[in-house]
């Protein structure tokens, strides 16, 4: 059963207005990832993946990450829209977090823009920021959505949302 979308205020987006299949759009927002107390990635050239019921997932150019932070790790998953994902551990001198980032080296048609970009699970790092706002992770630990005050839900990922 589809939930009732929350009302939006000026300047906000409802995730229930996002399409299915998802849309990829460029963003010039300042996007940062902090791990081990240091900014390990920063860009003003990210991509937002927008899918019905999900907060945006931000994909940063791989070269936005500090040298040595992305360590490829074995294993893959498959997304019905984007294809086969490969994973990275994120590594700093003081902290390592397993499989906290992923990429689509050879995505399905329509998602080619994601080549050379890396997404990060906000709940597995110290923090992610969009234009200085600290992101709240999407619930559930499976999806990589970045919740900011710009987007309203309800969001898929929490208890009882599997059938959405």
C-alpha atoms as a PDB file:
ATOM      1  CA  UNK A   1       0.000   0.000   0.000  1.00  0.00           C
ATOM      2  CA  UNK A   2       1.412   3.375  -1.030  1.00  0.00           C
ATOM      3  CA  UNK A   3       1.766   5.789   1.896  1.00  0.00           C
ATOM      4  CA  UNK A   4       0.450   9.319   1.856  1.00  0.00           C
ATOM      5  CA  UNK A   5       3.196  11.754   0.779  1.00  0.00           C
ATOM      6  CA  UNK A   6       4.047  14.435   3.316  1.00  0.00           C
ATOM      7  CA  UNK A   7       3.327  18.019   2.258  1.00  0.00           C
ATOM      8  CA  UNK A   8       6.214  20.060   0.860  1.00  0.00           C
ATOM      9  CA  UNK A   9       7.191  23.581   1.802  1.00  0.00           C
ATOM     10  CA  UNK A  10       8.722  26.080  -0.650  1.00  0.00           C
ATOM     11  CA  UNK A  11      12.103  24.834  -1.832  1.00  0.00           C
ATOM     12  CA  UNK A  12      11.392  21.197  -0.908  1.00  0.00           C
ATOM     13  CA  UNK A  13      10.930  18.095  -3.065  1.00  0.00           C
ATOM     14  CA  UNK A  14       8.729  15.104  -2.377  1.00  0.00           C
ATOM     15  CA  UNK A  15      10.369  11.760  -3.050  1.00  0.00           C
ATOM     16  CA  UNK A  16       6.938  10.694  -4.283  1.00  0.00           C
ATOM     17  CA  UNK A  17       7.405  13.003  -7.273  1.00  0.00           C
ATOM     18  CA  UNK A  18      10.625  11.218  -8.266  1.00  0.00           C
ATOM     19  CA  UNK A  19      10.295   8.784 -11.193  1.00  0.00           C
ATOM     20  CA  UNK A  20      10.496   5.027 -11.479  1.00  0.00           C
ATOM     21  CA  UNK A  21      12.800   4.006 -13.113  1.00  0.00           C
ATOM     22  CA  UNK A  22      15.118   6.504 -11.421  1.00  0.00           C
ATOM     23  CA  UNK A  23      16.446   9.690 -12.992  1.00  0.00           C
ATOM     24  CA  UNK A  24      20.080  10.823 -12.872  1.00  0.00           C
ATOM     25  CA  UNK A  25      20.647  14.567 -12.655  1.00  0.00           C
ATOM     26  CA  UNK A  26      23.757  16.694 -12.145  1.00  0.00           C
ATOM     27  CA  UNK A  27      24.169  18.727  -8.976  1.00  0.00           C
ATOM     28  CA  UNK A  28      26.435  21.687  -8.273  1.00  0.00           C
ATOM     29  CA  UNK A  29      25.849  21.490  -4.514  1.00  0.00           C
ATOM     30  CA  UNK A  30      28.936  21.167  -2.314  1.00  0.00           C
ATOM     31  CA  UNK A  31      28.982  17.472  -1.385  1.00  0.00           C
ATOM     32  CA  UNK A  32      31.427  16.230   1.246  1.00  0.00           C
ATOM     33  CA  UNK A  33      32.211  12.924   2.941  1.00  0.00           C
ATOM     34  CA  UNK A  34      33.936  12.850   6.344  1.00  0.00           C
ATOM     35  CA  UNK A  35      35.675   9.741   7.701  1.00  0.00           C
ATOM     36  CA  UNK A  36      38.166   9.450  10.516  1.00  0.00           C
ATOM     37  CA  UNK A  37      37.646  13.115  11.301  1.00  0.00           C
ATOM     38  CA  UNK A  38      38.802  14.320   7.879  1.00  0.00           C
ATOM     39  CA  UNK A  39      37.066  15.322   4.665  1.00  0.00           C
ATOM     40  CA  UNK A  40      37.910  12.411   2.346  1.00  0.00           C
ATOM     41  CA  UNK A  41      35.818  13.573  -0.621  1.00  0.00           C
ATOM     42  CA  UNK A  42      34.538  16.927  -1.834  1.00  0.00           C
ATOM     43  CA  UNK A  43      32.921  18.022  -5.084  1.00  0.00           C
ATOM     44  CA  UNK A  44      30.580  20.494  -6.723  1.00  0.00           C
ATOM     45  CA  UNK A  45      30.036  18.086  -9.639  1.00  0.00           C
ATOM     46  CA  UNK A  46      28.029  15.178  -8.206  1.00  0.00           C
ATOM     47  CA  UNK A  47      25.116  13.260  -9.650  1.00  0.00           C
ATOM     48  CA  UNK A  48      21.841  12.711  -7.809  1.00  0.00           C
ATOM     49  CA  UNK A  49      19.906   9.509  -8.464  1.00  0.00           C
ATOM     50  CA  UNK A  50      16.223  10.139  -7.796  1.00  0.00           C
ATOM     51  CA  UNK A  51      13.797   7.227  -7.405  1.00  0.00           C
ATOM     52  CA  UNK A  52      10.225   7.144  -6.171  1.00  0.00           C
ATOM     53  CA  UNK A  53      10.051   6.822  -2.353  1.00  0.00           C
ATOM     54  CA  UNK A  54      13.837   7.159  -1.887  1.00  0.00           C
ATOM     55  CA  UNK A  55      15.848  10.166  -0.774  1.00  0.00           C
ATOM     56  CA  UNK A  56      18.500  11.091  -3.369  1.00  0.00           C
ATOM     57  CA  UNK A  57      21.684   9.068  -3.564  1.00  0.00           C
ATOM     58  CA  UNK A  58      24.671  11.245  -4.390  1.00  0.00           C
ATOM     59  CA  UNK A  59      27.395   9.907  -6.691  1.00  0.00           C
ATOM     60  CA  UNK A  60      30.714  11.750  -6.518  1.00  0.00           C
ATOM     61  CA  UNK A  61      33.386  11.634  -9.217  1.00  0.00           C
ATOM     62  CA  UNK A  62      36.009   9.086  -8.159  1.00  0.00           C
ATOM     63  CA  UNK A  63      38.681  11.786  -8.369  1.00  0.00           C
ATOM     64  CA  UNK A  64      36.814  13.784  -5.677  1.00  0.00           C
ATOM     65  CA  UNK A  65      38.126  11.252  -3.123  1.00  0.00           C
ATOM     66  CA  UNK A  66      41.507  11.704  -1.461  1.00  0.00           C
ATOM     67  CA  UNK A  67      44.267   9.400  -2.679  1.00  0.00           C
ATOM     68  CA  UNK A  68      44.126   5.964  -1.088  1.00  0.00           C
ATOM     69  CA  UNK A  69      40.669   6.355   0.460  1.00  0.00           C
ATOM     70  CA  UNK A  70      38.896   3.990  -1.972  1.00  0.00           C
ATOM     71  CA  UNK A  71      40.043   0.374  -1.579  1.00  0.00           C
ATOM     72  CA  UNK A  72      38.278  -2.110  -3.911  1.00  0.00           C
ATOM     73  CA  UNK A  73      36.721  -5.023  -2.081  1.00  0.00           C
ATOM     74  CA  UNK A  74      35.395  -8.365  -3.351  1.00  0.00           C
ATOM     75  CA  UNK A  75      31.740  -8.989  -4.015  1.00  0.00           C
ATOM     76  CA  UNK A  76      28.991  -7.443  -6.083  1.00  0.00           C
ATOM     77  CA  UNK A  77      25.290  -6.735  -5.960  1.00  0.00           C
ATOM     78  CA  UNK A  78      22.806  -6.156  -8.731  1.00  0.00           C
ATOM     79  CA  UNK A  79      20.334  -3.308  -9.131  1.00  0.00           C
ATOM     80  CA  UNK A  80      17.420  -3.851 -11.486  1.00  0.00           C
ATOM     81  CA  UNK A  81      17.881  -0.316 -12.859  1.00  0.00           C
ATOM     82  CA  UNK A  82      21.617   0.320 -12.809  1.00  0.00           C
ATOM     83  CA  UNK A  83      23.178  -3.143 -13.128  1.00  0.00           C
ATOM     84  CA  UNK A  84      26.127  -4.724 -11.325  1.00  0.00           C
ATOM     85  CA  UNK A  85      27.653  -2.718  -8.463  1.00  0.00           C
ATOM     86  CA  UNK A  86      31.240  -3.041  -7.260  1.00  0.00           C
ATOM     87  CA  UNK A  87      32.232  -1.995  -3.731  1.00  0.00           C
ATOM     88  CA  UNK A  88      34.951  -0.136  -1.880  1.00  0.00           C
ATOM     89  CA  UNK A  89      36.127  -0.034   1.698  1.00  0.00           C
ATOM     90  CA  UNK A  90      36.825   3.549   2.766  1.00  0.00           C
ATOM     91  CA  UNK A  91      40.209   3.892   4.442  1.00  0.00           C
ATOM     92  CA  UNK A  92      41.914   6.660   6.434  1.00  0.00           C
ATOM     93  CA  UNK A  93      44.866   6.432   8.823  1.00  0.00           C
ATOM     94  CA  UNK A  94      42.446   6.331  11.782  1.00  0.00           C
ATOM     95  CA  UNK A  95      39.401   4.509  10.447  1.00  0.00           C
ATOM     96  CA  UNK A  96      38.349   1.892   7.904  1.00  0.00           C
ATOM     97  CA  UNK A  97      34.737   1.163   7.074  1.00  0.00           C
ATOM     98  CA  UNK A  98      33.897  -1.940   5.059  1.00  0.00           C
ATOM     99  CA  UNK A  99      31.877  -1.753   1.842  1.00  0.00           C
ATOM    100  CA  UNK A 100      30.807   1.820   2.557  1.00  0.00           C
ATOM    101  CA  UNK A 101      30.948   2.911  -1.089  1.00  0.00           C
ATOM    102  CA  UNK A 102      29.975   1.492  -4.463  1.00  0.00           C
ATOM    103  CA  UNK A 103      30.168   2.172  -8.182  1.00  0.00           C
ATOM    104  CA  UNK A 104      28.685   0.920 -11.443  1.00  0.00           C
ATOM    105  CA  UNK A 105      31.656   0.359 -13.786  1.00  0.00           C
ATOM    106  CA  UNK A 106      29.403  -0.876 -16.626  1.00  0.00           C
ATOM    107  CA  UNK A 107      25.836   0.273 -15.891  1.00  0.00           C
ATOM    108  CA  UNK A 108      22.693  -0.615 -17.774  1.00  0.00           C
ATOM    109  CA  UNK A 109      21.680   1.656 -20.672  1.00  0.00           C
ATOM    110  CA  UNK A 110      20.321   4.950 -19.398  1.00  0.00           C
ATOM    111  CA  UNK A 111      22.703   5.099 -16.440  1.00  0.00           C
ATOM    112  CA  UNK A 112      25.998   5.571 -18.295  1.00  0.00           C
ATOM    113  CA  UNK A 113      26.524   8.901 -16.515  1.00  0.00           C
ATOM    114  CA  UNK A 114      27.357   6.925 -13.348  1.00  0.00           C
ATOM    115  CA  UNK A 115      30.586   5.538 -14.832  1.00  0.00           C
ATOM    116  CA  UNK A 116      33.516   6.924 -12.861  1.00  0.00           C
ATOM    117  CA  UNK A 117      31.292   7.979  -9.944  1.00  0.00           C
ATOM    118  CA  UNK A 118      31.121   6.563  -6.424  1.00  0.00           C
ATOM    119  CA  UNK A 119      28.235   6.601  -3.932  1.00  0.00           C
ATOM    120  CA  UNK A 120      28.672   6.437  -0.155  1.00  0.00           C
ATOM    121  CA  UNK A 121      26.411   5.020   2.581  1.00  0.00           C
ATOM    122  CA  UNK A 122      25.960   8.005   4.916  1.00  0.00           C
ATOM    123  CA  UNK A 123      25.374   5.766   7.933  1.00  0.00           C
ATOM    124  CA  UNK A 124      28.790   4.121   7.557  1.00  0.00           C
ATOM    125  CA  UNK A 125      30.932   7.276   7.668  1.00  0.00           C
ATOM    126  CA  UNK A 126      31.346  10.065  10.230  1.00  0.00           C
ATOM    127  CA  UNK A 127      29.087  12.296   8.162  1.00  0.00           C
ATOM    128  CA  UNK A 128      28.060  13.355   4.697  1.00  0.00           C
ATOM    129  CA  UNK A 129      27.184  16.972   3.969  1.00  0.00           C
ATOM    130  CA  UNK A 130      25.280  18.748   1.219  1.00  0.00           C
ATOM    131  CA  UNK A 131      25.904  22.498   1.082  1.00  0.00           C
ATOM    132  CA  UNK A 132      27.036  22.284   4.720  1.00  0.00           C
ATOM    133  CA  UNK A 133      23.944  20.430   5.968  1.00  0.00           C
ATOM    134  CA  UNK A 134      24.704  17.129   7.692  1.00  0.00           C
ATOM    135  CA  UNK A 135      22.826  14.330   5.944  1.00  0.00           C
ATOM    136  CA  UNK A 136      20.601  11.873   7.774  1.00  0.00           C
ATOM    137  CA  UNK A 137      20.992   8.282   6.477  1.00  0.00           C
ATOM    138  CA  UNK A 138      18.058   6.477   4.913  1.00  0.00           C
ATOM    139  CA  UNK A 139      16.726   3.896   7.355  1.00  0.00           C
ATOM    140  CA  UNK A 140      17.289   0.183   7.009  1.00  0.00           C
ATOM    141  CA  UNK A 141      20.951  -0.033   6.044  1.00  0.00           C
ATOM    142  CA  UNK A 142      20.247  -1.331   2.518  1.00  0.00           C
ATOM    143  CA  UNK A 143      19.632   1.843   0.529  1.00  0.00           C
ATOM    144  CA  UNK A 144      22.087   4.709   0.273  1.00  0.00           C
ATOM    145  CA  UNK A 145      19.763   7.718   0.338  1.00  0.00           C
ATOM    146  CA  UNK A 146      20.884  11.083   1.704  1.00  0.00           C
ATOM    147  CA  UNK A 147      18.112  12.843   3.656  1.00  0.00           C
ATOM    148  CA  UNK A 148      18.348  16.629   3.867  1.00  0.00           C
ATOM    149  CA  UNK A 149      15.779  19.265   4.730  1.00  0.00           C
ATOM    150  CA  UNK A 150      15.271  19.666   0.974  1.00  0.00           C
ATOM    151  CA  UNK A 151      13.412  16.342   0.642  1.00  0.00           C
ATOM    152  CA  UNK A 152      10.302  14.988   2.323  1.00  0.00           C
ATOM    153  CA  UNK A 153       8.937  11.441   2.504  1.00  0.00           C
ATOM    154  CA  UNK A 154       7.899   9.163   3.899  1.00  0.00           C
ATOM    155  CA  UNK A 155      11.003   7.261   2.782  1.00  0.00           C
ATOM    156  CA  UNK A 156      11.383   3.615   1.869  1.00  0.00           C
ATOM    157  CA  UNK A 157      13.809   1.596   4.002  1.00  0.00           C
ATOM    158  CA  UNK A 158      12.265   1.668   7.456  1.00  0.00           C
ATOM    159  CA  UNK A 159      10.076  -0.996   9.051  1.00  0.00           C
ATOM    160  CA  UNK A 160       7.012  -2.014   7.025  1.00  0.00           C
ATOM    161  CA  UNK A 161       8.177  -0.292   3.811  1.00  0.00           C
ATOM    162  CA  UNK A 162       9.317  -3.356   1.859  1.00  0.00           C
ATOM    163  CA  UNK A 163       6.197  -3.495  -0.324  1.00  0.00           C
ATOM    164  CA  UNK A 164       6.307   0.107  -1.497  1.00  0.00           C
END
